[in-house]
Amino acid sequence: MSHQRMMGKSVSIQRGHIPVLVGDGKEWKRVPVHRKVLQHPYFTGLLELAAMEFGHDQKGVLRIPCDIESFHTIVQLIGSRERKKVVEGRTEGDR
């Protein structure tokens, strides 16, 4: 685990994960996201929303303007599709 400082606090992040702040308004929640999720087309849609809202040069932790329930649904959907590809024997190189 690596230790990073976020909003003045020391936090532990699992290897392979990136902290993001997710919220829609004044309330933001810190969520660790696996690096592979960031490459999925569904997540790139969220990154485009973030770029429209905050610009491409965000400072500090990446902020995703999305309600937390929808964010978790998207991440779970990405995870279920990735597991399905593994079960079916497909990898990214097979596309």
Protein backbone atom coordinates (compact mmCIF):
# COMPACT_ATOMS: atom_id res chain seq x y z
CA MET A 1 0.00 0.00 0.00
CA SER A 2 1.14 3.49 -0.69
CA HIS A 3 0.44 6.43 1.56
CA GLN A 4 -0.71 9.71 0.09
CA ARG A 5 -1.99 12.94 1.55
CA MET A 6 -5.50 13.96 0.63
CA MET A 7 -7.15 17.07 1.96
CA GLY A 8 -4.60 17.28 4.76
CA LYS A 9 -5.01 13.64 5.80
CA SER A 10 -2.70 10.69 5.28
CA VAL A 11 -4.54 7.89 3.48
CA SER A 12 -3.62 4.36 2.40
CA ILE A 13 -4.28 3.32 -1.17
CA GLN A 14 -4.07 -0.29 -2.35
CA ARG A 15 -1.53 -1.01 -5.04
CA GLY A 16 -3.02 -0.48 -8.50
CA HIS A 17 -5.69 1.92 -7.26
CA ILE A 18 -6.04 5.67 -7.76
CA PRO A 19 -8.04 7.88 -5.41
CA VAL A 20 -10.79 9.99 -6.99
CA LEU A 21 -13.33 12.34 -5.45
CA VAL A 22 -16.90 11.65 -6.53
CA GLY A 23 -19.83 13.96 -5.93
CA ASP A 24 -22.49 16.19 -7.33
CA GLY A 25 -22.48 19.42 -5.42
CA LYS A 26 -20.93 20.27 -2.08
CA GLU A 27 -20.53 16.71 -0.81
CA TRP A 28 -17.60 14.69 -2.20
CA LYS A 29 -16.60 11.14 -1.33
CA ARG A 30 -13.10 9.69 -1.75
CA VAL A 31 -13.23 6.43 -3.72
CA PRO A 32 -10.26 4.23 -4.69
CA VAL A 33 -10.57 3.08 -8.31
CA HIS A 34 -8.48 0.34 -9.89
CA ARG A 35 -6.29 1.68 -12.69
CA LYS A 36 -7.84 -0.72 -15.25
CA VAL A 37 -11.27 0.84 -14.67
CA LEU A 38 -9.90 4.21 -15.84
CA GLN A 39 -9.30 2.77 -19.33
CA HIS A 40 -12.84 1.47 -19.86
CA PRO A 41 -15.04 3.42 -22.32
CA TYR A 42 -17.78 3.86 -19.67
CA PHE A 43 -15.27 5.51 -17.34
CA THR A 44 -13.83 7.69 -20.08
CA GLY A 45 -17.33 9.17 -20.35
CA LEU A 46 -17.04 10.19 -16.70
CA LEU A 47 -13.59 11.64 -17.39
CA GLU A 48 -15.07 13.71 -20.22
CA LEU A 49 -17.70 15.05 -17.81
CA ALA A 50 -14.94 15.95 -15.37
CA ALA A 51 -13.01 17.75 -18.12
CA MET A 52 -16.12 19.73 -19.12
CA GLU A 53 -16.82 20.68 -15.50
CA PHE A 54 -13.30 21.33 -14.20
CA GLY A 55 -11.06 21.54 -17.26
CA HIS A 56 -8.20 19.29 -18.31
CA ASP A 57 -5.74 20.73 -15.80
CA GLN A 58 -7.32 19.72 -12.49
CA LYS A 59 -4.95 20.15 -9.57
CA GLY A 60 -4.70 17.48 -6.90
CA VAL A 61 -7.08 14.54 -6.74
CA LEU A 62 -9.22 13.85 -9.79
CA ARG A 63 -12.84 14.97 -9.22
CA ILE A 64 -15.69 13.17 -10.99
CA PRO A 65 -18.99 15.12 -11.08
CA CYS A 66 -21.42 12.23 -10.56
CA ASP A 67 -23.71 11.13 -7.74
CA ILE A 68 -22.08 8.37 -5.72
CA GLU A 69 -24.77 5.75 -6.39
CA SER A 70 -24.50 6.16 -10.16
CA PHE A 71 -20.70 6.09 -9.93
CA HIS A 72 -20.75 2.78 -8.03
CA THR A 73 -23.23 1.34 -10.54
CA ILE A 74 -20.94 2.26 -13.44
CA VAL A 75 -17.87 0.79 -11.73
CA GLN A 76 -19.77 -2.42 -10.88
CA LEU A 77 -20.96 -2.71 -14.48
CA ILE A 78 -17.39 -2.31 -15.71
CA GLY A 79 -16.22 -4.99 -13.28
CA SER A 80 -18.96 -7.44 -14.29
CA ARG A 81 -18.15 -6.99 -17.99
CA GLU A 82 -14.43 -7.52 -17.34
CA ARG A 83 -15.16 -10.72 -15.37
CA LYS A 84 -17.41 -11.94 -18.19
CA LYS A 85 -14.60 -11.47 -20.72
CA VAL A 86 -12.25 -13.52 -18.53
CA VAL A 87 -14.82 -16.31 -18.17
CA GLU A 88 -15.37 -16.34 -21.93
CA GLY A 89 -11.61 -16.48 -22.47
CA ARG A 90 -11.29 -13.07 -24.10
CA THR A 91 -8.73 -10.43 -23.25
CA GLU A 92 -8.21 -6.88 -24.49
CA GLY A 93 -5.88 -8.18 -27.19
CA ASP A 94 -8.63 -10.45 -28.58
CA ARG A 95 -10.94 -7.62 -29.64
